[in-house]
Structures are given as structure tokens and as C-alpha cells.
Amino acid sequence: MPSKKPQLNIRTDQELIDRIKNIAENEHRSLANQIEHILIKYANQYEAKQTTPITKPENININKSKGVIAGDNNGTVKVK
């Protein structure tokens, strides 16, 4: 059954194609599947760097004498 995914055509050097084919063979993937895997991995890494962690309201305590304390699993931030 043909895929209903949109197609993407790229132009690149034969050397890069050969390198990705070699990786695909080692990973037991088709060339197209390997390129998709690489793109997904890159997009996920890029998006992870771009997003700013949001502190949930239940993790923020306001204490007049000590300022604002925001805590999460990564530690505690004190603002005075």
C-alpha cells in the first residue's frame, strides 16, 4: 500500500547520500526511513533547546519576608 505521507525532494552531494546509506544499513532501515529518523531526532533536539521550562503555579510560594521561592524537580530558585 502506498504511503500517504507527503514527499520531500532534496539535492545533496553523493558523498552525503552514501554516508547516510551506510548508516541506514547499519541501523537496518531504508534510506528514506533513516533520513526521516534523522530529521525527527534533530527537530526534537532543536525544540527542546527552544522551549523555556514553565513553573507551575503550585510550585511557587510567596513569602513576604523571603521573597519568591520557585521550586521544581531541578532545584529551587530564590528571588529577593
N, C-alpha and C. Protein backbone atom coordinates (compact mmCIF):
# COMPACT_ATOMS: atom_id res chain seq x y z
N MET A 1 0.84 -1.17 0.00
CA MET A 1 0.00 0.00 0.00
C MET A 1 0.89 1.24 0.00
N PRO A 2 0.67 2.16 -0.90
CA PRO A 2 1.49 3.37 -0.95
C PRO A 2 1.26 4.25 0.27
N SER A 3 2.31 4.95 0.65
CA SER A 3 2.23 5.86 1.79
C SER A 3 1.45 7.12 1.41
N LYS A 4 0.73 7.65 2.38
CA LYS A 4 0.01 8.90 2.17
C LYS A 4 0.80 10.08 2.72
N LYS A 5 2.04 9.82 3.15
CA LYS A 5 2.89 10.89 3.66
C LYS A 5 3.31 11.80 2.50
N PRO A 6 3.46 13.09 2.76
CA PRO A 6 3.95 13.98 1.71
C PRO A 6 5.40 13.66 1.36
N GLN A 7 5.77 13.93 0.13
CA GLN A 7 7.14 13.68 -0.31
C GLN A 7 7.97 14.94 -0.18
N LEU A 8 9.27 14.74 0.06
CA LEU A 8 10.22 15.83 0.15
C LEU A 8 11.40 15.49 -0.74
N ASN A 9 11.68 16.34 -1.70
CA ASN A 9 12.82 16.13 -2.59
C ASN A 9 13.95 17.05 -2.18
N ILE A 10 15.15 16.49 -2.06
CA ILE A 10 16.32 17.30 -1.71
C ILE A 10 17.43 17.04 -2.71
N ARG A 11 18.32 17.99 -2.80
CA ARG A 11 19.52 17.84 -3.62
C ARG A 11 20.71 17.96 -2.70
N THR A 12 21.59 16.98 -2.77
CA THR A 12 22.78 17.00 -1.93
C THR A 12 23.89 16.22 -2.61
N ASP A 13 25.07 16.25 -2.02
CA ASP A 13 26.23 15.57 -2.60
C ASP A 13 26.09 14.05 -2.48
N GLN A 14 26.65 13.35 -3.45
CA GLN A 14 26.60 11.89 -3.45
C GLN A 14 27.32 11.33 -2.22
N GLU A 15 28.37 12.00 -1.78
CA GLU A 15 29.12 11.55 -0.61
C GLU A 15 28.21 11.49 0.63
N LEU A 16 27.39 12.51 0.82
CA LEU A 16 26.48 12.52 1.97
C LEU A 16 25.43 11.42 1.84
N ILE A 17 24.91 11.22 0.65
CA ILE A 17 23.94 10.14 0.43
C ILE A 17 24.56 8.80 0.76
N ASP A 18 25.79 8.58 0.31
CA ASP A 18 26.48 7.31 0.59
C ASP A 18 26.69 7.12 2.09
N ARG A 19 27.03 8.20 2.79
CA ARG A 19 27.25 8.11 4.24
C ARG A 19 25.95 7.74 4.95
N ILE A 20 24.84 8.38 4.54
CA ILE A 20 23.55 8.08 5.17
C ILE A 20 23.09 6.67 4.81
N LYS A 21 23.35 6.22 3.58
CA LYS A 21 23.01 4.84 3.20
C LYS A 21 23.75 3.85 4.09
N ASN A 22 25.01 4.12 4.37
CA ASN A 22 25.82 3.25 5.22
C ASN A 22 25.23 3.19 6.64
N ILE A 23 24.84 4.35 7.17
CA ILE A 23 24.21 4.39 8.49
C ILE A 23 22.89 3.61 8.46
N ALA A 24 22.10 3.80 7.41
CA ALA A 24 20.82 3.11 7.28
C ALA A 24 21.01 1.59 7.28
N GLU A 25 22.00 1.11 6.56
CA GLU A 25 22.28 -0.33 6.54
C GLU A 25 22.65 -0.83 7.93
N ASN A 26 23.48 -0.06 8.63
CA ASN A 26 23.89 -0.46 9.99
C ASN A 26 22.73 -0.44 10.97
N GLU A 27 21.76 0.43 10.74
CA GLU A 27 20.59 0.56 11.61
C GLU A 27 19.41 -0.28 11.13
N HIS A 28 19.59 -1.02 10.03
CA HIS A 28 18.55 -1.87 9.44
C HIS A 28 17.31 -1.06 9.07
N ARG A 29 17.56 0.08 8.40
CA ARG A 29 16.49 0.95 7.93
C ARG A 29 16.69 1.21 6.45
N SER A 30 15.61 1.62 5.78
CA SER A 30 15.74 2.08 4.40
C SER A 30 16.35 3.48 4.44
N LEU A 31 16.83 3.94 3.30
CA LEU A 31 17.41 5.28 3.23
C LEU A 31 16.38 6.33 3.62
N ALA A 32 15.17 6.22 3.07
CA ALA A 32 14.11 7.19 3.38
C ALA A 32 13.77 7.16 4.87
N ASN A 33 13.68 5.96 5.44
CA ASN A 33 13.36 5.83 6.86
C ASN A 33 14.48 6.41 7.72
N GLN A 34 15.72 6.22 7.32
CA GLN A 34 16.85 6.76 8.07
C GLN A 34 16.85 8.29 8.04
N ILE A 35 16.57 8.85 6.88
CA ILE A 35 16.52 10.31 6.77
C ILE A 35 15.39 10.86 7.63
N GLU A 36 14.23 10.19 7.62
CA GLU A 36 13.12 10.62 8.47
C GLU A 36 13.53 10.55 9.94
N HIS A 37 14.20 9.48 10.33
CA HIS A 37 14.66 9.30 11.71
C HIS A 37 15.61 10.44 12.11
N ILE A 38 16.53 10.79 11.22
CA ILE A 38 17.49 11.87 11.48
C ILE A 38 16.75 13.20 11.64
N LEU A 39 15.78 13.47 10.77
CA LEU A 39 15.04 14.72 10.83
C LEU A 39 14.20 14.83 12.10
N ILE A 40 13.56 13.75 12.50
CA ILE A 40 12.76 13.75 13.73
C ILE A 40 13.67 14.00 14.93
N LYS A 41 14.80 13.30 14.98
CA LYS A 41 15.73 13.45 16.09
C LYS A 41 16.23 14.89 16.18
N TYR A 42 16.59 15.48 15.05
CA TYR A 42 17.07 16.85 15.04
C TYR A 42 15.98 17.83 15.47
N ALA A 43 14.77 17.65 14.95
CA ALA A 43 13.65 18.54 15.30
C ALA A 43 13.35 18.47 16.80
N ASN A 44 13.37 17.27 17.38
CA ASN A 44 13.13 17.12 18.81
C ASN A 44 14.20 17.82 19.64
N GLN A 45 15.46 17.66 19.24
CA GLN A 45 16.56 18.31 19.95
C GLN A 45 16.46 19.83 19.84
N TYR A 46 16.14 20.32 18.67
CA TYR A 46 16.01 21.75 18.44
C TYR A 46 14.89 22.34 19.29
N GLU A 47 13.74 21.68 19.27
CA GLU A 47 12.59 22.16 20.04
C GLU A 47 12.86 22.12 21.53
N ALA A 48 13.59 21.11 21.99
CA ALA A 48 13.91 21.02 23.42
C ALA A 48 14.78 22.19 23.86
N LYS A 49 15.66 22.66 22.99
CA LYS A 49 16.52 23.80 23.32
C LYS A 49 15.73 25.10 23.31
N GLN A 50 14.69 25.19 22.49
CA GLN A 50 13.94 26.43 22.30
C GLN A 50 12.90 26.69 23.38
N THR A 51 12.37 25.65 23.97
CA THR A 51 11.29 25.84 24.93
C THR A 51 11.86 26.19 26.30
N THR A 52 11.21 27.11 26.97
CA THR A 52 11.59 27.52 28.31
C THR A 52 10.72 26.75 29.29
N PRO A 53 11.34 26.13 30.28
CA PRO A 53 10.53 25.40 31.26
C PRO A 53 9.55 26.35 31.95
N ILE A 54 8.31 25.91 32.10
CA ILE A 54 7.28 26.71 32.74
C ILE A 54 7.12 26.22 34.17
N THR A 55 7.19 27.14 35.11
CA THR A 55 6.98 26.78 36.51
C THR A 55 5.49 26.76 36.77
N LYS A 56 5.01 25.66 37.25
CA LYS A 56 3.59 25.51 37.53
C LYS A 56 3.23 26.33 38.77
N PRO A 57 2.03 26.92 38.80
CA PRO A 57 1.62 27.75 39.93
C PRO A 57 1.72 27.05 41.28
N GLU A 58 1.48 25.75 41.34
CA GLU A 58 1.54 25.05 42.62
C GLU A 58 2.96 24.94 43.16
N ASN A 59 3.98 25.23 42.33
CA ASN A 59 5.37 25.18 42.77
C ASN A 59 5.91 26.54 43.18
N ILE A 60 5.06 27.55 43.23
CA ILE A 60 5.51 28.90 43.59
C ILE A 60 4.92 29.27 44.94
N ASN A 61 5.80 29.64 45.88
CA ASN A 61 5.37 30.08 47.20
C ASN A 61 5.82 31.52 47.40
N ILE A 62 4.91 32.37 47.80
CA ILE A 62 5.25 33.76 48.07
C ILE A 62 5.28 33.97 49.58
N ASN A 63 6.44 34.37 50.05
CA ASN A 63 6.62 34.63 51.47
C ASN A 63 7.14 36.05 51.58
N LYS A 64 6.41 36.94 52.27
CA LYS A 64 6.76 38.36 52.32
C LYS A 64 8.17 38.59 52.86
N SER A 65 8.61 37.80 53.81
CA SER A 65 9.92 38.03 54.39
C SER A 65 11.07 37.44 53.57
N LYS A 66 10.77 36.48 52.72
CA LYS A 66 11.84 35.81 51.96
C LYS A 66 11.72 35.98 50.46
N GLY A 67 10.75 36.72 49.97
CA GLY A 67 10.60 36.91 48.53
C GLY A 67 9.86 35.75 47.90
N VAL A 68 10.21 35.44 46.67
CA VAL A 68 9.54 34.38 45.92
C VAL A 68 10.46 33.18 45.85
N ILE A 69 9.92 32.01 46.14
CA ILE A 69 10.68 30.77 46.02
C ILE A 69 9.96 29.89 45.01
N ALA A 70 10.64 29.57 43.91
CA ALA A 70 10.07 28.71 42.88
C ALA A 70 10.84 27.41 42.87
N GLY A 71 10.17 26.29 43.11
CA GLY A 71 10.86 25.01 43.15
C GLY A 71 10.28 24.03 42.16
N ASP A 72 11.12 23.15 41.65
CA ASP A 72 10.68 22.07 40.78
C ASP A 72 11.66 20.92 40.96
N ASN A 73 11.61 19.93 40.10
CA ASN A 73 12.48 18.77 40.22
C ASN A 73 13.95 19.11 39.98
N ASN A 74 14.22 20.25 39.36
CA ASN A 74 15.60 20.62 39.04
C ASN A 74 16.24 21.47 40.14
N GLY A 75 15.55 21.77 41.21
CA GLY A 75 16.13 22.57 42.27
C GLY A 75 15.19 23.69 42.69
N THR A 76 15.72 24.63 43.45
CA THR A 76 14.94 25.73 43.94
C THR A 76 15.57 27.04 43.50
N VAL A 77 14.72 27.98 43.08
CA VAL A 77 15.18 29.30 42.67
C VAL A 77 14.63 30.30 43.68
N LYS A 78 15.51 31.12 44.26
CA LYS A 78 15.08 32.14 45.22
C LYS A 78 15.24 33.50 44.57
N VAL A 79 14.20 34.32 44.67
CA VAL A 79 14.23 35.69 44.15
C VAL A 79 13.90 36.62 45.30
N LYS A 80 14.78 37.59 45.56
CA LYS A 80 14.53 38.55 46.66
C LYS A 80 14.44 39.94 46.10
